Amino acid sequence: MFKQEHGGEDLLGRIYEYFIGEFASSEGKRGGEYFTPSSIVRVLVAMLEPAGGQIFDPCCGSGGMFVQSDLFTRHSGRLSFFGQESKDFTYRLCRMNLFIHGIDGDIRLGNSYFDDKHATLRADYILANPPFNDGSKGEAGWGADRVPDKDPRLTIGGEKMPLAARNANTMWIMHFWSHLKEGGTAGFVMAMAS
């Protein structure tokens, strides 16, 4: 009804995203934990051009990757969305964002490093903005020692890859790789080492 009264425009969804963005800006660096600027999200989605299939974001924050992908396909219904978020507050923001935009998604609460809630999923597209250099400031790092040696995400092309205890970037890339279908495409934001 609300969309019909405003010429089909998702006004409520746009307002919600605006306030999430404003709240993230007021939080400073911490706001980046759950919000990726819409300009970056639009670039990633435009590069991947998701037309149909499964989209996965294992660190989905407030769900902007899903919303922009749905907008890209003009709400065609040909995409299905799967996500995971480790923080309860952010998980609830994502669920609300999807609800307001009329998007159904399988979003689960949990830490992707140690509790992969979508372990068997092989997606057509991975869209993500993981936390940069996670573990670089903590004394214990990000928890590389908690990932079992036999975790299938650690093996690429038959070779076991090493994990850096003080930087989870490699783990994120291996996580993305393990969730891609054959011929799938990933687009993500990652800090470069200097």
N, C-alpha and C. Protein backbone atom coordinates (compact mmCIF):
# COMPACT_ATOMS: atom_id res chain seq x y z
N MET A 1 0.82 -1.19 0.00
CA MET A 1 0.00 0.00 0.00
C MET A 1 0.87 1.26 0.00
N PHE A 2 1.92 1.28 0.87
CA PHE A 2 2.77 2.46 0.97
C PHE A 2 3.49 2.72 -0.34
N LYS A 3 3.96 1.64 -1.02
CA LYS A 3 4.64 1.79 -2.31
C LYS A 3 3.70 2.33 -3.37
N GLN A 4 2.46 1.84 -3.37
CA GLN A 4 1.49 2.28 -4.36
C GLN A 4 1.20 3.77 -4.21
N GLU A 5 1.15 4.26 -3.00
CA GLU A 5 0.85 5.68 -2.77
C GLU A 5 2.00 6.59 -3.16
N HIS A 6 3.18 6.05 -3.36
CA HIS A 6 4.35 6.85 -3.72
C HIS A 6 4.94 6.41 -5.06
N GLY A 7 4.09 6.03 -5.97
CA GLY A 7 4.54 5.69 -7.33
C GLY A 7 5.45 4.48 -7.40
N GLY A 8 5.30 3.53 -6.49
CA GLY A 8 6.11 2.31 -6.51
C GLY A 8 7.48 2.50 -5.88
N GLU A 9 7.82 3.70 -5.47
CA GLU A 9 9.13 3.95 -4.88
C GLU A 9 9.18 3.41 -3.46
N ASP A 10 10.27 2.77 -3.14
CA ASP A 10 10.45 2.18 -1.82
C ASP A 10 10.91 3.27 -0.84
N LEU A 11 10.01 4.18 -0.53
CA LEU A 11 10.33 5.33 0.29
C LEU A 11 10.72 4.94 1.71
N LEU A 12 9.98 4.02 2.31
CA LEU A 12 10.27 3.60 3.67
C LEU A 12 11.65 2.94 3.75
N GLY A 13 11.98 2.11 2.76
CA GLY A 13 13.29 1.47 2.72
C GLY A 13 14.42 2.47 2.56
N ARG A 14 14.21 3.46 1.73
CA ARG A 14 15.24 4.50 1.54
C ARG A 14 15.44 5.31 2.82
N ILE A 15 14.36 5.60 3.52
CA ILE A 15 14.47 6.33 4.79
C ILE A 15 15.24 5.51 5.81
N TYR A 16 14.93 4.22 5.90
CA TYR A 16 15.61 3.33 6.85
C TYR A 16 17.11 3.30 6.55
N GLU A 17 17.47 3.14 5.27
CA GLU A 17 18.89 3.11 4.90
C GLU A 17 19.57 4.44 5.20
N TYR A 18 18.86 5.54 4.99
CA TYR A 18 19.43 6.85 5.29
C TYR A 18 19.79 6.93 6.78
N PHE A 19 18.87 6.50 7.63
CA PHE A 19 19.13 6.59 9.07
C PHE A 19 20.22 5.61 9.52
N ILE A 20 20.29 4.44 8.91
CA ILE A 20 21.39 3.52 9.22
C ILE A 20 22.72 4.19 8.85
N GLY A 21 22.77 4.82 7.68
CA GLY A 21 23.99 5.51 7.23
C GLY A 21 24.37 6.66 8.17
N GLU A 22 23.37 7.44 8.58
CA GLU A 22 23.65 8.55 9.50
C GLU A 22 24.14 8.04 10.85
N PHE A 23 23.52 6.97 11.34
CA PHE A 23 23.94 6.39 12.61
C PHE A 23 25.36 5.86 12.49
N ALA A 24 25.67 5.19 11.37
CA ALA A 24 27.02 4.66 11.16
C ALA A 24 28.04 5.79 11.12
N SER A 25 27.69 6.90 10.47
CA SER A 25 28.60 8.05 10.41
C SER A 25 28.87 8.61 11.80
N SER A 26 27.84 8.67 12.62
CA SER A 26 28.02 9.21 13.97
C SER A 26 28.85 8.28 14.85
N GLU A 27 28.89 6.99 14.49
CA GLU A 27 29.67 6.02 15.25
C GLU A 27 31.14 6.02 14.83
N GLY A 28 31.46 6.70 13.74
CA GLY A 28 32.84 6.75 13.26
C GLY A 28 33.29 5.40 12.74
N LYS A 29 34.51 5.00 13.10
CA LYS A 29 35.08 3.75 12.61
C LYS A 29 34.21 2.55 12.97
N ARG A 30 33.61 2.57 14.16
CA ARG A 30 32.75 1.45 14.57
C ARG A 30 31.56 1.28 13.64
N GLY A 31 31.09 2.35 13.02
CA GLY A 31 29.95 2.27 12.12
C GLY A 31 30.24 1.40 10.91
N GLY A 32 31.51 1.28 10.56
CA GLY A 32 31.90 0.44 9.44
C GLY A 32 31.71 -1.04 9.71
N GLU A 33 31.49 -1.40 10.99
CA GLU A 33 31.26 -2.80 11.33
C GLU A 33 29.94 -3.33 10.78
N TYR A 34 29.01 -2.45 10.53
CA TYR A 34 27.71 -2.92 10.07
C TYR A 34 27.17 -2.17 8.86
N PHE A 35 27.90 -1.19 8.36
CA PHE A 35 27.39 -0.39 7.25
C PHE A 35 28.50 -0.12 6.24
N THR A 36 28.25 -0.49 4.99
CA THR A 36 29.15 -0.17 3.88
C THR A 36 28.50 0.97 3.11
N PRO A 37 29.22 2.05 2.84
CA PRO A 37 28.62 3.16 2.09
C PRO A 37 27.96 2.67 0.80
N SER A 38 26.78 3.23 0.51
CA SER A 38 26.00 2.75 -0.64
C SER A 38 26.75 2.91 -1.96
N SER A 39 27.64 3.89 -2.07
CA SER A 39 28.40 4.05 -3.32
C SER A 39 29.30 2.83 -3.57
N ILE A 40 29.90 2.29 -2.52
CA ILE A 40 30.76 1.11 -2.65
C ILE A 40 29.92 -0.12 -2.98
N VAL A 41 28.78 -0.23 -2.31
CA VAL A 41 27.90 -1.37 -2.55
C VAL A 41 27.41 -1.35 -4.00
N ARG A 42 27.01 -0.17 -4.50
CA ARG A 42 26.54 -0.07 -5.89
C ARG A 42 27.62 -0.48 -6.88
N VAL A 43 28.87 -0.10 -6.62
CA VAL A 43 29.98 -0.46 -7.52
C VAL A 43 30.16 -1.99 -7.53
N LEU A 44 30.17 -2.61 -6.36
CA LEU A 44 30.33 -4.07 -6.30
C LEU A 44 29.21 -4.78 -7.04
N VAL A 45 27.98 -4.35 -6.82
CA VAL A 45 26.83 -4.99 -7.47
C VAL A 45 26.89 -4.75 -8.98
N ALA A 46 27.25 -3.55 -9.41
CA ALA A 46 27.34 -3.26 -10.85
C ALA A 46 28.44 -4.10 -11.51
N MET A 47 29.52 -4.36 -10.79
CA MET A 47 30.60 -5.19 -11.33
C MET A 47 30.15 -6.64 -11.50
N LEU A 48 29.43 -7.17 -10.53
CA LEU A 48 29.02 -8.57 -10.59
C LEU A 48 27.76 -8.80 -11.43
N GLU A 49 26.92 -7.78 -11.54
CA GLU A 49 25.67 -7.86 -12.30
C GLU A 49 24.87 -9.13 -11.97
N PRO A 50 24.48 -9.29 -10.71
CA PRO A 50 23.72 -10.49 -10.35
C PRO A 50 22.33 -10.49 -10.99
N ALA A 51 22.09 -11.43 -11.88
CA ALA A 51 20.81 -11.49 -12.58
C ALA A 51 19.88 -12.52 -11.96
N GLY A 52 20.44 -13.58 -11.42
CA GLY A 52 19.64 -14.64 -10.81
C GLY A 52 20.55 -15.59 -10.08
N GLY A 53 20.02 -16.27 -9.09
CA GLY A 53 20.81 -17.23 -8.33
C GLY A 53 20.91 -16.84 -6.88
N GLN A 54 21.92 -17.39 -6.23
CA GLN A 54 22.10 -17.21 -4.79
C GLN A 54 23.20 -16.19 -4.51
N ILE A 55 22.90 -15.27 -3.60
CA ILE A 55 23.89 -14.30 -3.14
C ILE A 55 24.17 -14.59 -1.67
N PHE A 56 25.47 -14.63 -1.34
CA PHE A 56 25.88 -14.92 0.03
C PHE A 56 26.78 -13.81 0.55
N ASP A 57 26.52 -13.37 1.78
CA ASP A 57 27.38 -12.42 2.47
C ASP A 57 27.57 -12.95 3.89
N PRO A 58 28.76 -13.50 4.20
CA PRO A 58 29.00 -14.10 5.51
C PRO A 58 29.31 -13.09 6.62
N CYS A 59 29.32 -11.82 6.29
CA CYS A 59 29.52 -10.75 7.27
C CYS A 59 28.59 -9.61 6.84
N CYS A 60 27.29 -9.89 6.85
CA CYS A 60 26.32 -9.08 6.11
C CYS A 60 25.96 -7.74 6.74
N GLY A 61 26.40 -7.46 7.94
CA GLY A 61 26.10 -6.16 8.52
C GLY A 61 24.62 -5.85 8.46
N SER A 62 24.27 -4.68 7.96
CA SER A 62 22.86 -4.26 7.92
C SER A 62 22.15 -4.72 6.65
N GLY A 63 22.82 -5.50 5.79
CA GLY A 63 22.17 -6.10 4.63
C GLY A 63 22.16 -5.27 3.37
N GLY A 64 22.98 -4.25 3.27
CA GLY A 64 23.01 -3.38 2.11
C GLY A 64 23.34 -4.09 0.80
N MET A 65 24.18 -5.12 0.86
CA MET A 65 24.53 -5.87 -0.36
C MET A 65 23.29 -6.55 -0.93
N PHE A 66 22.44 -7.07 -0.06
CA PHE A 66 21.22 -7.74 -0.50
C PHE A 66 20.23 -6.75 -1.10
N VAL A 67 20.05 -5.63 -0.41
CA VAL A 67 19.09 -4.62 -0.88
C VAL A 67 19.51 -4.09 -2.24
N GLN A 68 20.79 -3.76 -2.41
CA GLN A 68 21.26 -3.21 -3.68
C GLN A 68 21.16 -4.24 -4.80
N SER A 69 21.42 -5.50 -4.50
CA SER A 69 21.29 -6.56 -5.51
C SER A 69 19.85 -6.71 -5.95
N ASP A 70 18.92 -6.63 -5.00
CA ASP A 70 17.50 -6.71 -5.33
C ASP A 70 17.08 -5.52 -6.19
N LEU A 71 17.58 -4.35 -5.85
CA LEU A 71 17.28 -3.15 -6.66
C LEU A 71 17.85 -3.30 -8.07
N PHE A 72 19.05 -3.88 -8.17
CA PHE A 72 19.70 -4.05 -9.46
C PHE A 72 18.83 -4.89 -10.41
N THR A 73 18.17 -5.89 -9.85
CA THR A 73 17.32 -6.76 -10.68
C THR A 73 15.88 -6.26 -10.74
N ARG A 74 15.65 -5.04 -10.23
CA ARG A 74 14.32 -4.44 -10.23
C ARG A 74 13.30 -5.33 -9.54
N HIS A 75 13.71 -5.89 -8.41
CA HIS A 75 12.83 -6.73 -7.57
C HIS A 75 12.26 -7.91 -8.36
N SER A 76 13.08 -8.52 -9.22
CA SER A 76 12.63 -9.59 -10.11
C SER A 76 12.23 -10.87 -9.38
N GLY A 77 12.77 -11.07 -8.18
CA GLY A 77 12.51 -12.30 -7.45
C GLY A 77 13.39 -13.46 -7.92
N ARG A 78 14.37 -13.19 -8.79
CA ARG A 78 15.25 -14.25 -9.30
C ARG A 78 16.49 -14.46 -8.42
N LEU A 79 16.63 -13.68 -7.37
CA LEU A 79 17.76 -13.83 -6.46
C LEU A 79 17.27 -14.39 -5.12
N SER A 80 18.12 -15.19 -4.51
CA SER A 80 17.86 -15.61 -3.13
C SER A 80 19.07 -15.19 -2.30
N PHE A 81 18.80 -14.84 -1.05
CA PHE A 81 19.81 -14.20 -0.21
C PHE A 81 20.12 -15.04 1.03
N PHE A 82 21.43 -15.19 1.28
CA PHE A 82 21.91 -15.94 2.43
C PHE A 82 22.99 -15.11 3.12
N GLY A 83 22.90 -15.02 4.43
CA GLY A 83 23.88 -14.21 5.15
C GLY A 83 24.12 -14.70 6.54
N GLN A 84 25.18 -14.18 7.12
CA GLN A 84 25.53 -14.47 8.50
C GLN A 84 26.11 -13.20 9.10
N GLU A 85 25.81 -12.98 10.36
CA GLU A 85 26.32 -11.81 11.07
C GLU A 85 26.64 -12.22 12.49
N SER A 86 27.78 -11.76 13.00
CA SER A 86 28.23 -12.19 14.33
C SER A 86 27.68 -11.35 15.48
N LYS A 87 27.24 -10.15 15.20
CA LYS A 87 26.75 -9.27 16.29
C LYS A 87 25.22 -9.23 16.28
N ASP A 88 24.64 -9.48 17.43
CA ASP A 88 23.18 -9.55 17.54
C ASP A 88 22.49 -8.26 17.10
N PHE A 89 22.99 -7.12 17.53
CA PHE A 89 22.38 -5.83 17.17
C PHE A 89 22.36 -5.65 15.65
N THR A 90 23.49 -5.95 15.02
CA THR A 90 23.61 -5.79 13.57
C THR A 90 22.75 -6.81 12.84
N TYR A 91 22.70 -8.02 13.36
CA TYR A 91 21.84 -9.06 12.80
C TYR A 91 20.39 -8.57 12.75
N ARG A 92 19.94 -7.93 13.82
CA ARG A 92 18.57 -7.41 13.86
C ARG A 92 18.38 -6.25 12.89
N LEU A 93 19.39 -5.40 12.73
CA LEU A 93 19.33 -4.32 11.74
C LEU A 93 19.14 -4.89 10.33
N CYS A 94 19.88 -5.94 10.02
CA CYS A 94 19.79 -6.57 8.71
C CYS A 94 18.40 -7.14 8.47
N ARG A 95 17.91 -7.88 9.45
CA ARG A 95 16.58 -8.49 9.31
C ARG A 95 15.51 -7.42 9.08
N MET A 96 15.61 -6.31 9.81
CA MET A 96 14.65 -5.22 9.65
C MET A 96 14.79 -4.57 8.28
N ASN A 97 16.02 -4.38 7.83
CA ASN A 97 16.26 -3.77 6.53
C ASN A 97 15.64 -4.63 5.41
N LEU A 98 15.84 -5.92 5.48
CA LEU A 98 15.26 -6.81 4.47
C LEU A 98 13.73 -6.78 4.53
N PHE A 99 13.20 -6.81 5.74
CA PHE A 99 11.74 -6.79 5.91
C PHE A 99 11.14 -5.52 5.30
N ILE A 100 11.74 -4.38 5.60
CA ILE A 100 11.23 -3.10 5.10
C ILE A 100 11.29 -3.05 3.57
N HIS A 101 12.29 -3.69 2.98
CA HIS A 101 12.42 -3.70 1.52
C HIS A 101 11.65 -4.85 0.87
N GLY A 102 10.95 -5.65 1.66
CA GLY A 102 10.17 -6.75 1.10
C GLY A 102 11.02 -7.88 0.57
N ILE A 103 12.18 -8.10 1.18
CA ILE A 103 13.12 -9.13 0.74
C ILE A 103 13.13 -10.26 1.76
N ASP A 104 13.06 -11.47 1.27
CA ASP A 104 13.15 -12.64 2.13
C ASP A 104 14.57 -13.18 2.04
N GLY A 105 15.19 -13.44 3.16
CA GLY A 105 16.55 -13.96 3.15
C GLY A 105 16.78 -14.90 4.31
N ASP A 106 17.71 -15.80 4.14
CA ASP A 106 18.11 -16.74 5.19
C ASP A 106 19.33 -16.15 5.89
N ILE A 107 19.07 -15.32 6.90
CA ILE A 107 20.14 -14.63 7.63
C ILE A 107 20.28 -15.30 8.99
N ARG A 108 21.49 -15.67 9.34
CA ARG A 108 21.71 -16.39 10.60
C ARG A 108 22.74 -15.68 11.47
N LEU A 109 22.55 -15.82 12.77
CA LEU A 109 23.43 -15.21 13.75
C LEU A 109 24.55 -16.19 14.10
N GLY A 110 25.79 -15.74 14.00
CA GLY A 110 26.92 -16.59 14.36
C GLY A 110 28.21 -16.05 13.77
N ASN A 111 29.31 -16.52 14.31
CA ASN A 111 30.65 -16.10 13.89
C ASN A 111 31.10 -16.97 12.72
N SER A 112 31.32 -16.36 11.56
CA SER A 112 31.69 -17.11 10.35
C SER A 112 33.03 -17.82 10.49
N TYR A 113 33.92 -17.33 11.32
CA TYR A 113 35.22 -17.98 11.48
C TYR A 113 35.07 -19.39 12.06
N PHE A 114 34.26 -19.52 13.11
CA PHE A 114 34.22 -20.75 13.90
C PHE A 114 32.90 -21.50 13.82
N ASP A 115 31.86 -20.86 13.29
CA ASP A 115 30.53 -21.47 13.27
C ASP A 115 29.84 -21.10 11.96
N ASP A 116 30.30 -21.69 10.88
CA ASP A 116 29.78 -21.40 9.55
C ASP A 116 28.35 -21.94 9.44
N LYS A 117 27.37 -21.06 9.54
CA LYS A 117 25.96 -21.45 9.54
C LYS A 117 25.47 -21.91 8.17
N HIS A 118 26.21 -21.60 7.12
CA HIS A 118 25.83 -21.99 5.76
C HIS A 118 26.94 -22.87 5.15
N ALA A 119 27.45 -23.81 5.92
CA ALA A 119 28.62 -24.59 5.51
C ALA A 119 28.46 -25.30 4.17
N THR A 120 27.26 -25.72 3.83
CA THR A 120 27.07 -26.47 2.58
C THR A 120 26.66 -25.59 1.40
N LEU A 121 26.47 -24.30 1.64
CA LEU A 121 26.02 -23.39 0.58
C LEU A 121 27.14 -23.12 -0.42
N ARG A 122 26.81 -23.24 -1.70
CA ARG A 122 27.70 -22.83 -2.78
C ARG A 122 26.90 -21.82 -3.59
N ALA A 123 27.28 -20.57 -3.50
CA ALA A 123 26.51 -19.46 -4.06
C ALA A 123 27.03 -19.04 -5.43
N ASP A 124 26.13 -18.42 -6.18
CA ASP A 124 26.51 -17.87 -7.48
C ASP A 124 27.33 -16.59 -7.31
N TYR A 125 27.03 -15.86 -6.24
CA TYR A 125 27.69 -14.58 -5.98
C TYR A 125 28.02 -14.46 -4.49
N ILE A 126 29.21 -13.94 -4.22
CA ILE A 126 29.59 -13.56 -2.87
C ILE A 126 29.78 -12.05 -2.91
N LEU A 127 29.09 -11.34 -2.06
CA LEU A 127 29.25 -9.89 -1.92
C LEU A 127 29.51 -9.62 -0.45
N ALA A 128 30.63 -8.97 -0.14
CA ALA A 128 30.96 -8.81 1.28
C ALA A 128 31.93 -7.66 1.52
N ASN A 129 31.86 -7.16 2.74
CA ASN A 129 32.81 -6.17 3.24
C ASN A 129 33.23 -6.64 4.63
N PRO A 130 34.18 -7.58 4.69
CA PRO A 130 34.58 -8.13 5.99
C PRO A 130 35.38 -7.11 6.80
N PRO A 131 35.49 -7.33 8.11
CA PRO A 131 36.30 -6.42 8.93
C PRO A 131 37.76 -6.47 8.50
N PHE A 132 38.32 -5.31 8.21
CA PHE A 132 39.71 -5.22 7.74
C PHE A 132 40.68 -5.63 8.85
N ASN A 133 41.66 -6.43 8.47
CA ASN A 133 42.78 -6.76 9.36
C ASN A 133 42.31 -7.18 10.76
N ASP A 134 41.21 -7.91 10.80
CA ASP A 134 40.65 -8.33 12.09
C ASP A 134 41.69 -9.10 12.88
N GLY A 135 41.87 -8.73 14.12
CA GLY A 135 42.82 -9.38 15.00
C GLY A 135 44.15 -8.69 15.12
N SER A 136 44.38 -7.63 14.36
CA SER A 136 45.69 -6.98 14.38
C SER A 136 45.95 -6.23 15.68
N LYS A 137 44.90 -5.82 16.36
CA LYS A 137 45.10 -5.04 17.59
C LYS A 137 44.99 -5.88 18.86
N GLY A 138 44.25 -6.96 18.81
CA GLY A 138 44.08 -7.78 20.01
C GLY A 138 45.30 -8.63 20.30
N GLU A 139 45.55 -8.86 21.57
CA GLU A 139 46.70 -9.64 21.97
C GLU A 139 46.60 -11.09 21.48
N ALA A 140 45.37 -11.62 21.46
CA ALA A 140 45.17 -13.01 21.05
C ALA A 140 44.89 -13.14 19.55
N GLY A 141 44.87 -12.02 18.82
CA GLY A 141 44.55 -12.07 17.40
C GLY A 141 43.07 -12.32 17.18
N TRP A 142 42.71 -12.86 16.04
CA TRP A 142 41.30 -13.08 15.71
C TRP A 142 40.80 -14.47 16.07
N GLY A 143 41.71 -15.37 16.44
CA GLY A 143 41.32 -16.72 16.83
C GLY A 143 41.69 -17.79 15.83
N ALA A 144 42.74 -17.57 15.07
CA ALA A 144 43.17 -18.55 14.07
C ALA A 144 43.41 -19.92 14.69
N ASP A 145 43.85 -19.94 15.94
CA ASP A 145 44.13 -21.21 16.63
C ASP A 145 42.85 -22.00 16.92
N ARG A 146 41.69 -21.37 16.82
CA ARG A 146 40.42 -22.05 17.07
C ARG A 146 39.86 -22.73 15.81
N VAL A 147 40.43 -22.45 14.64
CA VAL A 147 39.97 -23.08 13.40
C VAL A 147 40.64 -24.45 13.31
N PRO A 148 39.86 -25.52 13.24
CA PRO A 148 40.44 -26.88 13.19
C PRO A 148 41.31 -27.08 11.95
N ASP A 149 42.39 -27.85 12.09
CA ASP A 149 43.29 -28.14 10.98
C ASP A 149 42.58 -28.78 9.80
N LYS A 150 41.54 -29.54 10.06
CA LYS A 150 40.84 -30.25 8.99
C LYS A 150 39.68 -29.43 8.40
N ASP A 151 39.57 -28.16 8.76
CA ASP A 151 38.51 -27.31 8.21
C ASP A 151 38.69 -27.26 6.69
N PRO A 152 37.66 -27.65 5.92
CA PRO A 152 37.80 -27.70 4.46
C PRO A 152 38.07 -26.34 3.81
N ARG A 153 37.76 -25.26 4.49
CA ARG A 153 38.02 -23.93 3.92
C ARG A 153 39.50 -23.63 3.81
N LEU A 154 40.33 -24.36 4.56
CA LEU A 154 41.77 -24.10 4.57
C LEU A 154 42.52 -24.74 3.40
N THR A 155 41.83 -25.58 2.64
CA THR A 155 42.48 -26.28 1.53
C THR A 155 42.00 -25.73 0.20
N ILE A 156 42.94 -25.26 -0.61
CA ILE A 156 42.62 -24.74 -1.94
C ILE A 156 43.53 -25.45 -2.94
N GLY A 157 42.91 -26.08 -3.93
CA GLY A 157 43.67 -26.81 -4.94
C GLY A 157 44.49 -27.93 -4.35
N GLY A 158 43.99 -28.57 -3.29
CA GLY A 158 44.69 -29.68 -2.66
C GLY A 158 45.79 -29.27 -1.71
N GLU A 159 46.00 -27.97 -1.56
CA GLU A 159 47.08 -27.48 -0.68
C GLU A 159 46.48 -26.75 0.52
N LYS A 160 47.00 -27.09 1.71
CA LYS A 160 46.54 -26.42 2.93
C LYS A 160 47.21 -25.05 3.04
N MET A 161 46.37 -24.04 3.24
CA MET A 161 46.86 -22.68 3.32
C MET A 161 47.12 -22.28 4.79
N PRO A 162 48.15 -21.49 5.02
CA PRO A 162 48.43 -21.04 6.39
C PRO A 162 47.51 -19.87 6.77
N LEU A 163 47.26 -19.73 8.04
CA LEU A 163 46.48 -18.61 8.57
C LEU A 163 47.39 -17.69 9.36
N ALA A 164 47.18 -16.40 9.22
CA ALA A 164 47.92 -15.41 10.02
C ALA A 164 47.13 -15.16 11.30
N ALA A 165 47.77 -15.33 12.42
CA ALA A 165 47.09 -15.18 13.72
C ALA A 165 46.65 -13.74 13.98
N ARG A 166 47.34 -12.77 13.40
CA ARG A 166 47.06 -11.36 13.71
C ARG A 166 46.33 -10.65 12.57
N ASN A 167 45.85 -11.40 11.57
CA ASN A 167 45.14 -10.77 10.46
C ASN A 167 44.25 -11.82 9.79
N ALA A 168 42.95 -11.60 9.82
CA ALA A 168 42.00 -12.59 9.30
C ALA A 168 41.68 -12.43 7.82
N ASN A 169 42.35 -11.51 7.12
CA ASN A 169 42.02 -11.27 5.71
C ASN A 169 42.10 -12.55 4.87
N THR A 170 43.16 -13.34 5.07
CA THR A 170 43.31 -14.59 4.32
C THR A 170 42.17 -15.55 4.62
N MET A 171 41.76 -15.62 5.88
CA MET A 171 40.65 -16.49 6.25
C MET A 171 39.37 -16.08 5.53
N TRP A 172 39.13 -14.77 5.45
CA TRP A 172 37.93 -14.30 4.74
C TRP A 172 37.96 -14.72 3.27
N ILE A 173 39.10 -14.55 2.62
CA ILE A 173 39.20 -14.89 1.20
C ILE A 173 38.98 -16.39 1.01
N MET A 174 39.54 -17.21 1.88
CA MET A 174 39.34 -18.66 1.78
C MET A 174 37.88 -19.02 2.07
N HIS A 175 37.27 -18.31 2.98
CA HIS A 175 35.86 -18.53 3.30
C HIS A 175 35.00 -18.22 2.07
N PHE A 176 35.26 -17.10 1.43
CA PHE A 176 34.52 -16.74 0.21
C PHE A 176 34.71 -17.82 -0.86
N TRP A 177 35.95 -18.21 -1.08
CA TRP A 177 36.28 -19.20 -2.11
C TRP A 177 35.51 -20.50 -1.87
N SER A 178 35.45 -20.92 -0.62
CA SER A 178 34.81 -22.19 -0.29
C SER A 178 33.30 -22.16 -0.51
N HIS A 179 32.72 -20.98 -0.55
CA HIS A 179 31.27 -20.86 -0.70
C HIS A 179 30.83 -20.53 -2.14
N LEU A 180 31.76 -20.42 -3.05
CA LEU A 180 31.41 -20.13 -4.45
C LEU A 180 31.10 -21.40 -5.22
N LYS A 181 30.06 -21.33 -6.03
CA LYS A 181 29.78 -22.40 -6.99
C LYS A 181 30.85 -22.37 -8.06
N GLU A 182 30.99 -23.47 -8.76
CA GLU A 182 31.86 -23.50 -9.94
C GLU A 182 31.35 -22.43 -10.90
N GLY A 183 32.21 -21.51 -11.31
CA GLY A 183 31.80 -20.43 -12.19
C GLY A 183 31.18 -19.24 -11.47
N GLY A 184 31.12 -19.30 -10.13
CA GLY A 184 30.59 -18.18 -9.36
C GLY A 184 31.55 -17.01 -9.32
N THR A 185 31.05 -15.88 -8.84
CA THR A 185 31.84 -14.65 -8.82
C THR A 185 31.77 -14.01 -7.45
N ALA A 186 32.89 -13.50 -6.98
CA ALA A 186 32.94 -12.81 -5.70
C ALA A 186 33.37 -11.37 -5.88
N GLY A 187 32.74 -10.49 -5.14
CA GLY A 187 33.14 -9.09 -5.09
C GLY A 187 33.17 -8.69 -3.63
N PHE A 188 34.32 -8.23 -3.16
CA PHE A 188 34.43 -7.87 -1.75
C PHE A 188 35.43 -6.75 -1.57
N VAL A 189 35.33 -6.09 -0.46
CA VAL A 189 36.23 -5.00 -0.09
C VAL A 189 37.28 -5.60 0.85
N MET A 190 38.56 -5.38 0.55
CA MET A 190 39.61 -5.95 1.38
C MET A 190 40.75 -4.96 1.48
N ALA A 191 41.30 -4.80 2.68
CA ALA A 191 42.44 -3.92 2.89
C ALA A 191 43.68 -4.54 2.25
N MET A 192 44.49 -3.70 1.65
CA MET A 192 45.75 -4.16 1.04
C MET A 192 46.87 -3.95 2.04
N ALA A 193 47.78 -4.89 2.07
CA ALA A 193 48.95 -4.76 2.94
C ALA A 193 49.91 -3.75 2.30
N SER A 194 50.57 -2.99 3.13
CA SER A 194 51.51 -2.00 2.59
C SER A 194 52.92 -2.50 2.63
